[in-house]
Amino acid sequence: MTKTLYFGNLPWSASNADLTQAVTQYAEVISARVATDRETGRSRGFGFVEVPADNAQAVIDALNGAEWEGRALTVNEAKPREERPAGNRGGGFGGGRRF
Protein backbone atom coordinates (compact mmCIF):
# COMPACT_ATOMS: atom_id res chain seq x y z
CA MET A 1 0.00 0.00 0.00
CA THR A 2 1.19 3.53 -0.75
CA LYS A 3 0.51 7.05 0.47
CA THR A 4 0.71 10.29 -1.43
CA LEU A 5 2.43 13.18 0.33
CA TYR A 6 1.91 16.87 -0.42
CA PHE A 7 5.02 19.05 -0.62
CA GLY A 8 4.29 22.77 -0.37
CA ASN A 9 6.48 25.86 -0.58
CA LEU A 10 8.90 24.20 -3.00
CA PRO A 11 11.56 26.38 -4.60
CA TRP A 12 10.52 27.50 -8.10
CA SER A 13 13.57 25.70 -9.51
CA ALA A 14 12.61 22.27 -8.06
CA SER A 15 12.10 19.50 -10.62
CA ASN A 16 10.58 16.03 -10.39
CA ALA A 17 14.11 14.61 -10.15
CA ASP A 18 15.03 17.04 -7.33
CA LEU A 19 11.92 16.05 -5.38
CA THR A 20 12.69 12.36 -5.88
CA GLN A 21 16.27 12.85 -4.69
CA ALA A 22 15.16 14.74 -1.56
CA VAL A 23 12.78 11.96 -0.50
CA THR A 24 14.91 8.94 -1.50
CA GLN A 25 17.03 9.39 1.65
CA TYR A 26 13.98 8.51 3.76
CA ALA A 27 11.83 6.19 1.62
CA GLU A 28 11.49 4.48 -1.72
CA VAL A 29 9.84 6.89 -4.17
CA ILE A 30 7.08 5.34 -6.27
CA SER A 31 6.42 8.61 -8.12
CA ALA A 32 7.16 12.32 -7.73
CA ARG A 33 5.58 15.22 -9.56
CA VAL A 34 6.03 18.97 -9.25
CA ALA A 35 2.81 20.74 -10.28
CA THR A 36 3.30 23.05 -13.25
CA ASP A 37 1.24 25.77 -14.86
CA ARG A 38 -0.48 24.44 -17.99
CA GLU A 39 0.21 27.55 -20.05
CA THR A 40 3.77 28.44 -19.02
CA GLY A 41 5.13 25.09 -17.82
CA ARG A 42 6.60 26.82 -14.75
CA SER A 43 6.45 25.29 -11.29
CA ARG A 44 3.43 26.18 -9.15
CA GLY A 45 5.50 25.74 -5.96
CA PHE A 46 4.04 22.44 -4.79
CA GLY A 47 4.16 18.77 -5.67
CA PHE A 48 3.23 15.23 -4.71
CA VAL A 49 5.32 12.18 -3.86
CA GLU A 50 4.01 8.64 -3.58
CA VAL A 51 5.85 6.45 -1.04
CA PRO A 52 5.17 3.12 0.72
CA ALA A 53 2.61 3.72 3.48
CA ASP A 54 4.89 2.41 6.22
CA ASN A 55 7.53 5.06 5.36
CA ALA A 56 5.23 8.05 4.90
CA GLN A 57 5.42 9.34 8.49
CA ALA A 58 9.23 9.14 8.47
CA VAL A 59 9.31 11.36 5.37
CA ILE A 60 6.88 13.85 6.96
CA ASP A 61 8.88 13.93 10.21
CA ALA A 62 12.18 14.44 8.39
CA LEU A 63 11.14 17.02 5.78
CA ASN A 64 8.22 19.04 7.18
CA GLY A 65 9.73 22.41 8.09
CA ALA A 66 13.08 21.55 6.50
CA GLU A 67 14.73 24.33 4.52
CA TRP A 68 15.23 24.03 0.78
CA GLU A 69 16.85 27.02 -0.96
CA GLY A 70 15.76 29.28 1.87
CA ARG A 71 12.15 28.06 1.89
CA ALA A 72 10.58 26.07 4.74
CA LEU A 73 8.83 23.03 3.27
CA THR A 74 5.32 21.99 4.21
CA VAL A 75 4.98 18.21 4.02
CA ASN A 76 1.85 16.27 4.97
CA GLU A 77 -0.43 13.53 3.75
CA ALA A 78 -2.19 14.67 0.59
CA LYS A 79 -5.94 15.13 0.79
CA PRO A 80 -8.10 13.37 -1.80
CA ARG A 81 -8.80 15.48 -4.86
CA GLU A 82 -12.23 17.08 -4.74
CA GLU A 83 -14.64 16.25 -7.52
CA ARG A 84 -15.39 19.21 -9.74
CA PRO A 85 -18.84 19.58 -11.26
CA ALA A 86 -18.98 18.80 -14.96
CA GLY A 87 -20.06 21.48 -17.36
CA ASN A 88 -18.96 24.95 -18.30
CA ARG A 89 -15.54 25.83 -16.90
CA GLY A 90 -15.64 29.42 -18.02
CA GLY A 91 -13.89 31.06 -20.93
CA GLY A 92 -16.01 30.68 -23.99
CA PHE A 93 -19.50 31.29 -25.11
CA GLY A 94 -22.26 30.19 -22.80
CA GLY A 95 -21.01 31.42 -19.46
CA GLY A 96 -22.31 34.43 -17.64
CA ARG A 97 -25.64 36.17 -18.05
CA ARG A 98 -28.43 34.74 -20.20
CA PHE A 99 -30.72 36.88 -22.34
PDB file of N, CA and C in Angstrom:
ATOM      1  N   MET A   1       0.841  -1.185   0.000  1.00  0.00           N
ATOM      2  CA  MET A   1       0.000   0.000   0.000  1.00  0.00           C
ATOM      3  C   MET A   1       0.889   1.252   0.000  1.00  0.00           C
ATOM      4  N   THR A   2       0.420   2.293  -0.661  1.00  0.00           N
ATOM      5  CA  THR A   2       1.192   3.528  -0.754  1.00  0.00           C
ATOM      6  C   THR A   2       0.397   4.701  -0.197  1.00  0.00           C
ATOM      7  N   LYS A   3       1.125   5.778   0.071  1.00  0.00           N
ATOM      8  CA  LYS A   3       0.508   7.045   0.474  1.00  0.00           C
ATOM      9  C   LYS A   3       1.090   8.140  -0.396  1.00  0.00           C
ATOM     10  N   THR A   4       0.258   9.135  -0.673  1.00  0.00           N
ATOM     11  CA  THR A   4       0.709  10.293  -1.431  1.00  0.00           C
ATOM     12  C   THR A   4       0.919  11.441  -0.453  1.00  0.00           C
ATOM     13  N   LEU A   5       2.089  12.053  -0.540  1.00  0.00           N
ATOM     14  CA  LEU A   5       2.434  13.176   0.326  1.00  0.00           C
ATOM     15  C   LEU A   5       2.424  14.465  -0.473  1.00  0.00           C
ATOM     16  N   TYR A   6       1.934  15.527   0.169  1.00  0.00           N
ATOM     17  CA  TYR A   6       1.913  16.866  -0.420  1.00  0.00           C
ATOM     18  C   TYR A   6       3.172  17.594   0.028  1.00  0.00           C
ATOM     19  N   PHE A   7       3.858  18.224  -0.903  1.00  0.00           N
ATOM     20  CA  PHE A   7       5.024  19.052  -0.615  1.00  0.00           C
ATOM     21  C   PHE A   7       4.700  20.470  -1.044  1.00  0.00           C
ATOM     22  N   GLY A   8       4.594  21.376  -0.080  1.00  0.00           N
ATOM     23  CA  GLY A   8       4.292  22.770  -0.372  1.00  0.00           C
ATOM     24  C   GLY A   8       5.490  23.665  -0.126  1.00  0.00           C
ATOM     25  N   ASN A   9       5.446  24.843  -0.711  1.00  0.00           N
ATOM     26  CA  ASN A   9       6.484  25.858  -0.581  1.00  0.00           C
ATOM     27  C   ASN A   9       7.806  25.401  -1.196  1.00  0.00           C
ATOM     28  N   LEU A  10       7.694  24.630  -2.298  1.00  0.00           N
ATOM     29  CA  LEU A  10       8.900  24.195  -3.002  1.00  0.00           C
ATOM     30  C   LEU A  10       9.572  25.382  -3.680  1.00  0.00           C
ATOM     31  N   PRO A  11      10.891  25.338  -3.821  1.00  0.00           N
ATOM     32  CA  PRO A  11      11.560  26.383  -4.604  1.00  0.00           C
ATOM     33  C   PRO A  11      11.065  26.315  -6.053  1.00  0.00           C
ATOM     34  N   TRP A  12      11.018  27.447  -6.716  1.00  0.00           N
ATOM     35  CA  TRP A  12      10.518  27.499  -8.098  1.00  0.00           C
ATOM     36  C   TRP A  12      11.387  26.662  -9.023  1.00  0.00           C
ATOM     37  N   SER A  13      12.647  26.451  -8.661  1.00  0.00           N
ATOM     38  CA  SER A  13      13.570  25.696  -9.506  1.00  0.00           C
ATOM     39  C   SER A  13      13.455  24.185  -9.326  1.00  0.00           C
ATOM     40  N   ALA A  14      12.684  23.711  -8.356  1.00  0.00           N
ATOM     41  CA  ALA A  14      12.606  22.272  -8.060  1.00  0.00           C
ATOM     42  C   ALA A  14      11.985  21.502  -9.224  1.00  0.00           C
ATOM     43  N   SER A  15      12.598  20.371  -9.547  1.00  0.00           N
ATOM     44  CA  SER A  15      12.104  19.502 -10.618  1.00  0.00           C
ATOM     45  C   SER A  15      11.614  18.185 -10.015  1.00  0.00           C
ATOM     46  N   ASN A  16      11.001  17.357 -10.849  1.00  0.00           N
ATOM     47  CA  ASN A  16      10.580  16.033 -10.393  1.00  0.00           C
ATOM     48  C   ASN A  16      11.777  15.245  -9.864  1.00  0.00           C
ATOM     49  N   ALA A  17      12.904  15.323 -10.565  1.00  0.00           N
ATOM     50  CA  ALA A  17      14.110  14.612 -10.149  1.00  0.00           C
ATOM     51  C   ALA A  17      14.632  15.137  -8.807  1.00  0.00           C
ATOM     52  N   ASP A  18      14.587  16.454  -8.607  1.00  0.00           N
ATOM     53  CA  ASP A  18      15.034  17.043  -7.331  1.00  0.00           C
ATOM     54  C   ASP A  18      14.159  16.537  -6.179  1.00  0.00           C
ATOM     55  N   LEU A  19      12.856  16.501  -6.413  1.00  0.00           N
ATOM     56  CA  LEU A  19      11.918  16.051  -5.384  1.00  0.00           C
ATOM     57  C   LEU A  19      12.163  14.578  -5.059  1.00  0.00           C
ATOM     58  N   THR A  20      12.379  13.776  -6.082  1.00  0.00           N
ATOM     59  CA  THR A  20      12.686  12.355  -5.881  1.00  0.00           C
ATOM     60  C   THR A  20      13.952  12.199  -5.047  1.00  0.00           C
ATOM     61  N   GLN A  21      14.990  12.940  -5.398  1.00  0.00           N
ATOM     62  CA  GLN A  21      16.267  12.849  -4.692  1.00  0.00           C
ATOM     63  C   GLN A  21      16.129  13.249  -3.223  1.00  0.00           C
ATOM     64  N   ALA A  22      15.335  14.275  -2.949  1.00  0.00           N
ATOM     65  CA  ALA A  22      15.157  14.736  -1.565  1.00  0.00           C
ATOM     66  C   ALA A  22      14.473  13.682  -0.700  1.00  0.00           C
ATOM     67  N   VAL A  23      13.554  12.935  -1.272  1.00  0.00           N
ATOM     68  CA  VAL A  23      12.776  11.958  -0.504  1.00  0.00           C
ATOM     69  C   VAL A  23      13.460  10.601  -0.429  1.00  0.00           C
ATOM     70  N   THR A  24      14.260  10.258  -1.420  1.00  0.00           N
ATOM     71  CA  THR A  24      14.907   8.939  -1.501  1.00  0.00           C
ATOM     72  C   THR A  24      15.740   8.621  -0.263  1.00  0.00           C
ATOM     73  N   GLN A  25      16.247   9.622   0.423  1.00  0.00           N
ATOM     74  CA  GLN A  25      17.030   9.390   1.650  1.00  0.00           C
ATOM     75  C   GLN A  25      16.189   8.742   2.740  1.00  0.00           C
ATOM     76  N   TYR A  26      14.865   8.950   2.683  1.00  0.00           N
ATOM     77  CA  TYR A  26      13.976   8.512   3.762  1.00  0.00           C
ATOM     78  C   TYR A  26      13.025   7.391   3.365  1.00  0.00           C
ATOM     79  N   ALA A  27      12.775   7.223   2.067  1.00  0.00           N
ATOM     80  CA  ALA A  27      11.835   6.195   1.622  1.00  0.00           C
ATOM     81  C   ALA A  27      12.007   5.944   0.130  1.00  0.00           C
ATOM     82  N   GLU A  28      11.543   4.783  -0.291  1.00  0.00           N
ATOM     83  CA  GLU A  28      11.487   4.484  -1.719  1.00  0.00           C
ATOM     84  C   GLU A  28      10.445   5.411  -2.346  1.00  0.00           C
ATOM     85  N   VAL A  29      10.771   5.991  -3.484  1.00  0.00           N
ATOM     86  CA  VAL A  29       9.840   6.887  -4.166  1.00  0.00           C
ATOM     87  C   VAL A  29       9.177   6.113  -5.297  1.00  0.00           C
ATOM     88  N   ILE A  30       7.861   6.009  -5.219  1.00  0.00           N
ATOM     89  CA  ILE A  30       7.083   5.341  -6.268  1.00  0.00           C
ATOM     90  C   ILE A  30       6.892   6.317  -7.435  1.00  0.00           C
ATOM     91  N   SER A  31       6.542   7.559  -7.103  1.00  0.00           N
ATOM     92  CA  SER A  31       6.415   8.606  -8.120  1.00  0.00           C
ATOM     93  C   SER A  31       6.579   9.961  -7.444  1.00  0.00           C
ATOM     94  N   ALA A  32       7.006  10.942  -8.229  1.00  0.00           N
ATOM     95  CA  ALA A  32       7.158  12.319  -7.732  1.00  0.00           C
ATOM     96  C   ALA A  32       6.796  13.260  -8.868  1.00  0.00           C
ATOM     97  N   ARG A  33       6.011  14.281  -8.535  1.00  0.00           N
ATOM     98  CA  ARG A  33       5.578  15.225  -9.565  1.00  0.00           C
ATOM     99  C   ARG A  33       5.465  16.627  -8.986  1.00  0.00           C
ATOM    100  N   VAL A  34       6.175  17.561  -9.599  1.00  0.00           N
ATOM    101  CA  VAL A  34       6.034  18.973  -9.251  1.00  0.00           C
ATOM    102  C   VAL A  34       4.912  19.518 -10.130  1.00  0.00           C
ATOM    103  N   ALA A  35       3.933  20.172  -9.523  1.00  0.00           N
ATOM    104  CA  ALA A  35       2.814  20.737 -10.276  1.00  0.00           C
ATOM    105  C   ALA A  35       3.306  21.920 -11.102  1.00  0.00           C
ATOM    106  N   THR A  36       2.884  21.967 -12.351  1.00  0.00           N
ATOM    107  CA  THR A  36       3.296  23.052 -13.245  1.00  0.00           C
ATOM    108  C   THR A  36       2.080  23.746 -13.842  1.00  0.00           C
ATOM    109  N   ASP A  37       2.275  24.993 -14.203  1.00  0.00           N
ATOM    110  CA  ASP A  37       1.237  25.771 -14.858  1.00  0.00           C
ATOM    111  C   ASP A  37       1.036  25.227 -16.269  1.00  0.00           C
ATOM    112  N   ARG A  38      -0.198  25.017 -16.672  1.00  0.00           N
ATOM    113  CA  ARG A  38      -0.483  24.444 -17.991  1.00  0.00           C
ATOM    114  C   ARG A  38      -0.033  25.332 -19.139  1.00  0.00           C
ATOM    115  N   GLU A  39      -0.131  26.626 -18.958  1.00  0.00           N
ATOM    116  CA  GLU A  39       0.211  27.549 -20.045  1.00  0.00           C
ATOM    117  C   GLU A  39       1.702  27.837 -20.144  1.00  0.00           C
ATOM    118  N   THR A  40       2.358  28.033 -18.995  1.00  0.00           N
ATOM    119  CA  THR A  40       3.770  28.439 -19.018  1.00  0.00           C
ATOM    120  C   THR A  40       4.733  27.283 -18.766  1.00  0.00           C
ATOM    121  N   GLY A  41       4.254  26.205 -18.159  1.00  0.00           N
ATOM    122  CA  GLY A  41       5.128  25.088 -17.824  1.00  0.00           C
ATOM    123  C   GLY A  41       5.982  25.333 -16.591  1.00  0.00           C
ATOM    124  N   ARG A  42       5.809  26.485 -15.942  1.00  0.00           N
ATOM    125  CA  ARG A  42       6.596  26.817 -14.751  1.00  0.00           C
ATOM    126  C   ARG A  42       6.002  26.154 -13.508  1.00  0.00           C
ATOM    127  N   SER A  43       6.864  25.896 -12.544  1.00  0.00           N
ATOM    128  CA  SER A  43       6.445  25.286 -11.287  1.00  0.00           C
ATOM    129  C   SER A  43       5.387  26.146 -10.597  1.00  0.00           C
ATOM    130  N   ARG A  44       4.440  25.483  -9.942  1.00  0.00           N
ATOM    131  CA  ARG A  44       3.429  26.184  -9.152  1.00  0.00           C
ATOM    132  C   ARG A  44       3.818  26.214  -7.667  1.00  0.00           C
ATOM    133  N   GLY A  45       4.994  25.655  -7.334  1.00  0.00           N
ATOM    134  CA  GLY A  45       5.497  25.737  -5.961  1.00  0.00           C
ATOM    135  C   GLY A  45       5.037  24.618  -5.043  1.00  0.00           C
ATOM    136  N   PHE A  46       4.416  23.582  -5.609  1.00  0.00           N
ATOM    137  CA  PHE A  46       4.035  22.436  -4.792  1.00  0.00           C
ATOM    138  C   PHE A  46       4.120  21.175  -5.636  1.00  0.00           C
ATOM    139  N   GLY A  47       4.080  20.029  -4.952  1.00  0.00           N
ATOM    140  CA  GLY A  47       4.160  18.772  -5.671  1.00  0.00           C
ATOM    141  C   GLY A  47       3.672  17.624  -4.809  1.00  0.00           C
ATOM    142  N   PHE A  48       3.724  16.424  -5.384  1.00  0.00           N
ATOM    143  CA  PHE A  48       3.231  15.226  -4.713  1.00  0.00           C
ATOM    144  C   PHE A  48       4.238  14.102  -4.890  1.00  0.00           C
ATOM    145  N   VAL A  49       4.422  13.327  -3.821  1.00  0.00           N
ATOM    146  CA  VAL A  49       5.321  12.180  -3.862  1.00  0.00           C
ATOM    147  C   VAL A  49       4.574  10.980  -3.301  1.00  0.00           C
ATOM    148  N   GLU A  50       4.633   9.878  -4.030  1.00  0.00           N
ATOM    149  CA  GLU A  50       4.011   8.641  -3.576  1.00  0.00           C
ATOM    150  C   GLU A  50       5.097   7.743  -3.001  1.00  0.00           C
ATOM    151  N   VAL A  51       4.885   7.296  -1.750  1.00  0.00           N
ATOM    152  CA  VAL A  51       5.851   6.447  -1.044  1.00  0.00           C
ATOM    153  C   VAL A  51       5.108   5.268  -0.410  1.00  0.00           C
ATOM    154  N   PRO A  52       5.831   4.203  -0.021  1.00  0.00           N
ATOM    155  CA  PRO A  52       5.174   3.125   0.715  1.00  0.00           C
ATOM    156  C   PRO A  52       4.543   3.677   2.001  1.00  0.00           C
ATOM    157  N   ALA A  53       3.357   3.198   2.330  1.00  0.00           N
ATOM    158  CA  ALA A  53       2.607   3.719   3.478  1.00  0.00           C
ATOM    159  C   ALA A  53       3.393   3.629   4.783  1.00  0.00           C
ATOM    160  N   ASP A  54       4.160   2.572   4.955  1.00  0.00           N
ATOM    161  CA  ASP A  54       4.888   2.413   6.222  1.00  0.00           C
ATOM    162  C   ASP A  54       6.074   3.361   6.363  1.00  0.00           C
ATOM    163  N   ASN A  55       6.441   4.083   5.290  1.00  0.00           N
ATOM    164  CA  ASN A  55       7.533   5.061   5.364  1.00  0.00           C
ATOM    165  C   ASN A  55       7.041   6.504   5.322  1.00  0.00           C
ATOM    166  N   ALA A  56       5.763   6.704   5.098  1.00  0.00           N
ATOM    167  CA  ALA A  56       5.225   8.054   4.903  1.00  0.00           C
ATOM    168  C   ALA A  56       5.483   8.968   6.107  1.00  0.00           C
ATOM    169  N   GLN A  57       5.233   8.488   7.309  1.00  0.00           N
ATOM    170  CA  GLN A  57       5.416   9.336   8.491  1.00  0.00           C
ATOM    171  C   GLN A  57       6.879   9.719   8.679  1.00  0.00           C
ATOM    172  N   ALA A  58       7.801   8.827   8.357  1.00  0.00           N
ATOM    173  CA  ALA A  58       9.233   9.139   8.473  1.00  0.00           C
ATOM    174  C   ALA A  58       9.605  10.279   7.530  1.00  0.00           C
ATOM    175  N   VAL A  59       9.042  10.278   6.331  1.00  0.00           N
ATOM    176  CA  VAL A  59       9.306  11.359   5.373  1.00  0.00           C
ATOM    177  C   VAL A  59       8.740  12.673   5.904  1.00  0.00           C
ATOM    178  N   ILE A  60       7.515  12.638   6.412  1.00  0.00           N
ATOM    179  CA  ILE A  60       6.883  13.849   6.961  1.00  0.00           C
ATOM    180  C   ILE A  60       7.717  14.393   8.118  1.00  0.00           C
ATOM    181  N   ASP A  61       8.096  13.502   9.043  1.00  0.00           N
ATOM    182  CA  ASP A  61       8.876  13.929  10.214  1.00  0.00           C
ATOM    183  C   ASP A  61      10.219  14.546   9.811  1.00  0.00           C
ATOM    184  N   ALA A  62      10.850  13.976   8.791  1.00  0.00           N
ATOM    185  CA  ALA A  62      12.178  14.441   8.385  1.00  0.00           C
ATOM    186  C   ALA A  62      12.129  15.737   7.575  1.00  0.00           C
ATOM    187  N   LEU A  63      11.109  15.905   6.737  1.00  0.00           N
ATOM    188  CA  LEU A  63      11.144  17.022   5.783  1.00  0.00           C
ATOM    189  C   LEU A  63      10.154  18.154   6.053  1.00  0.00           C
ATOM    190  N   ASN A  64       9.137  17.935   6.870  1.00  0.00           N
ATOM    191  CA  ASN A  64       8.215  19.036   7.177  1.00  0.00           C
ATOM    192  C   ASN A  64       8.957  20.106   7.977  1.00  0.00           C
ATOM    193  N   GLY A  65       9.007  21.318   7.441  1.00  0.00           N
ATOM    194  CA  GLY A  65       9.725  22.407   8.088  1.00  0.00           C
ATOM    195  C   GLY A  65      11.185  22.509   7.684  1.00  0.00           C
ATOM    196  N   ALA A  66      11.686  21.504   6.960  1.00  0.00           N
ATOM    197  CA  ALA A  66      13.084  21.546   6.499  1.00  0.00           C
ATOM    198  C   ALA A  66      13.254  22.668   5.484  1.00  0.00           C
ATOM    199  N   GLU A  67      14.456  23.218   5.429  1.00  0.00           N
ATOM    200  CA  GLU A  67      14.726  24.329   4.521  1.00  0.00           C
ATOM    201  C   GLU A  67      15.289  23.825   3.210  1.00  0.00           C
ATOM    202  N   TRP A  68      14.754  24.357   2.119  1.00  0.00           N
ATOM    203  CA  TRP A  68      15.232  24.029   0.776  1.00  0.00           C
ATOM    204  C   TRP A  68      15.346  25.345   0.019  1.00  0.00           C
ATOM    205  N   GLU A  69      16.574  25.746  -0.299  1.00  0.00           N
ATOM    206  CA  GLU A  69      16.854  27.018  -0.963  1.00  0.00           C
ATOM    207  C   GLU A  69      16.172  28.192  -0.251  1.00  0.00           C
ATOM    208  N   GLY A  70      16.288  28.178   1.075  1.00  0.00           N
ATOM    209  CA  GLY A  70      15.758  29.278   1.875  1.00  0.00           C
ATOM    210  C   GLY A  70      14.260  29.240   2.120  1.00  0.00           C
ATOM    211  N   ARG A  71      13.602  28.181   1.707  1.00  0.00           N
ATOM    212  CA  ARG A  71      12.147  28.058   1.892  1.00  0.00           C
ATOM    213  C   ARG A  71      11.857  26.899   2.839  1.00  0.00           C
ATOM    214  N   ALA A  72      10.976  27.130   3.809  1.00  0.00           N
ATOM    215  CA  ALA A  72      10.583  26.070   4.744  1.00  0.00           C
ATOM    216  C   ALA A  72       9.492  25.222   4.095  1.00  0.00           C
ATOM    217  N   LEU A  73       9.782  23.935   3.904  1.00  0.00           N
ATOM    218  CA  LEU A  73       8.826  23.035   3.271  1.00  0.00           C
ATOM    219  C   LEU A  73       7.638  22.728   4.162  1.00  0.00           C
ATOM    220  N   THR A  74       6.505  22.508   3.540  1.00  0.00           N
ATOM    221  CA  THR A  74       5.323  21.986   4.205  1.00  0.00           C
ATOM    222  C   THR A  74       5.105  20.596   3.623  1.00  0.00           C
ATOM    223  N   VAL A  75       5.160  19.588   4.482  1.00  0.00           N
ATOM    224  CA  VAL A  75       4.980  18.214   4.021  1.00  0.00           C
ATOM    225  C   VAL A  75       3.923  17.553   4.891  1.00  0.00           C
ATOM    226  N   ASN A  76       2.888  17.009   4.257  1.00  0.00           N
ATOM    227  CA  ASN A  76       1.853  16.274   4.970  1.00  0.00           C
ATOM    228  C   ASN A  76       1.179  15.290   4.027  1.00  0.00           C
ATOM    229  N   GLU A  77       0.292  14.485   4.583  1.00  0.00           N
ATOM    230  CA  GLU A  77      -0.425  13.530   3.746  1.00  0.00           C
ATOM    231  C   GLU A  77      -1.381  14.297   2.839  1.00  0.00           C
ATOM    232  N   ALA A  78      -1.347  13.968   1.559  1.00  0.00           N
ATOM    233  CA  ALA A  78      -2.194  14.669   0.589  1.00  0.00           C
ATOM    234  C   ALA A  78      -3.654  14.333   0.848  1.00  0.00           C
ATOM    235  N   LYS A  79      -4.502  15.329   0.667  1.00  0.00           N
ATOM    236  CA  LYS A  79      -5.940  15.126   0.792  1.00  0.00           C
ATOM    237  C   LYS A  79      -6.479  14.635  -0.551  1.00  0.00           C
ATOM    238  N   PRO A  80      -7.526  13.822  -0.523  1.00  0.00           N
ATOM    239  CA  PRO A  80      -8.100  13.371  -1.797  1.00  0.00           C
ATOM    240  C   PRO A  80      -8.556  14.555  -2.638  1.00  0.00           C
ATOM    241  N   ARG A  81      -8.394  14.423  -3.934  1.00  0.00           N
ATOM    242  CA  ARG A  81      -8.796  15.481  -4.855  1.00  0.00           C
ATOM    243  C   ARG A  81     -10.315  15.614  -4.847  1.00  0.00           C
ATOM    244  N   GLU A  82     -10.789  16.845  -4.740  1.00  0.00           N
ATOM    245  CA  GLU A  82     -12.233  17.083  -4.737  1.00  0.00           C
ATOM    246  C   GLU A  82     -12.786  16.951  -6.144  1.00  0.00           C
ATOM    247  N   GLU A  83     -13.967  16.363  -6.236  1.00  0.00           N
ATOM    248  CA  GLU A  83     -14.639  16.248  -7.525  1.00  0.00           C
ATOM    249  C   GLU A  83     -15.123  17.621  -7.946  1.00  0.00           C
ATOM    250  N   ARG A  84     -14.900  17.940  -9.204  1.00  0.00           N
ATOM    251  CA  ARG A  84     -15.392  19.209  -9.739  1.00  0.00           C
ATOM    252  C   ARG A  84     -16.649  18.927 -10.548  1.00  0.00           C
ATOM    253  N   PRO A  85     -17.633  19.813 -10.469  1.00  0.00           N
ATOM    254  CA  PRO A  85     -18.838  19.579 -11.264  1.00  0.00           C
ATOM    255  C   PRO A  85     -18.532  19.657 -12.757  1.00  0.00           C
ATOM    256  N   ALA A  86     -19.156  18.791 -13.510  1.00  0.00           N
ATOM    257  CA  ALA A  86     -18.976  18.800 -14.959  1.00  0.00           C
ATOM    258  C   ALA A  86     -19.722  20.000 -15.528  1.00  0.00           C
ATOM    259  N   GLY A  87     -19.343  20.389 -16.711  1.00  0.00           N
ATOM    260  CA  GLY A  87     -20.057  21.482 -17.356  1.00  0.00           C
ATOM    261  C   GLY A  87     -19.130  22.612 -17.725  1.00  0.00           C
ATOM    262  N   ASN A  88     -19.700  23.784 -17.846  1.00  0.00           N
ATOM    263  CA  ASN A  88     -18.961  24.953 -18.296  1.00  0.00           C
ATOM    264  C   ASN A  88     -17.878  25.324 -17.287  1.00  0.00           C
ATOM    265  N   ARG A  89     -16.662  25.455 -17.765  1.00  0.00           N
ATOM    266  CA  ARG A  89     -15.540  25.829 -16.903  1.00  0.00           C
ATOM    267  C   ARG A  89     -15.089  27.253 -17.168  1.00  0.00           C
ATOM    268  N   GLY A  90     -15.968  28.030 -17.762  1.00  0.00           N
ATOM    269  CA  GLY A  90     -15.642  29.423 -18.023  1.00  0.00           C
ATOM    270  C   GLY A  90     -14.876  29.572 -19.316  1.00  0.00           C
ATOM    271  N   GLY A  91     -14.647  30.793 -19.717  1.00  0.00           N
ATOM    272  CA  GLY A  91     -13.893  31.060 -20.928  1.00  0.00           C
ATOM    273  C   GLY A  91     -14.576  30.503 -22.163  1.00  0.00           C
ATOM    274  N   GLY A  92     -15.302  31.206 -22.819  1.00  0.00           N
ATOM    275  CA  GLY A  92     -16.005  30.683 -23.991  1.00  0.00           C
ATOM    276  C   GLY A  92     -17.449  31.096 -23.943  1.00  0.00           C
ATOM    277  N   PHE A  93     -18.109  30.890 -25.029  1.00  0.00           N
ATOM    278  CA  PHE A  93     -19.500  31.293 -25.106  1.00  0.00           C
ATOM    279  C   PHE A  93     -20.357  30.405 -24.224  1.00  0.00           C
ATOM    280  N   GLY A  94     -21.339  30.968 -23.605  1.00  0.00           N
ATOM    281  CA  GLY A  94     -22.261  30.190 -22.802  1.00  0.00           C
ATOM    282  C   GLY A  94     -22.193  30.502 -21.321  1.00  0.00           C
ATOM    283  N   GLY A  95     -21.108  31.096 -20.874  1.00  0.00           N
ATOM    284  CA  GLY A  95     -21.008  31.416 -19.455  1.00  0.00           C
ATOM    285  C   GLY A  95     -21.593  32.803 -19.197  1.00  0.00           C
ATOM    286  N   GLY A  96     -21.834  33.097 -17.966  1.00  0.00           N
ATOM    287  CA  GLY A  96     -22.313  34.431 -17.637  1.00  0.00           C
ATOM    288  C   GLY A  96     -23.811  34.603 -17.764  1.00  0.00           C
ATOM    289  N   ARG A  97     -24.231  35.805 -18.047  1.00  0.00           N
ATOM    290  CA  ARG A  97     -25.643  36.168 -18.046  1.00  0.00           C
ATOM    291  C   ARG A  97     -26.353  35.667 -19.283  1.00  0.00           C
ATOM    292  N   ARG A  98     -27.588  35.228 -19.094  1.00  0.00           N
ATOM    293  CA  ARG A  98     -28.433  34.744 -20.197  1.00  0.00           C
ATOM    294  C   ARG A  98     -29.438  35.824 -20.570  1.00  0.00           C
ATOM    295  N   PHE A  99     -29.743  35.891 -21.861  1.00  0.00           N
ATOM    296  CA  PHE A  99     -30.721  36.879 -22.336  1.00  0.00           C
ATOM    297  C   PHE A  99     -31.945  36.201 -22.872  1.00  0.00           C
TER     298      PHE A  99
END
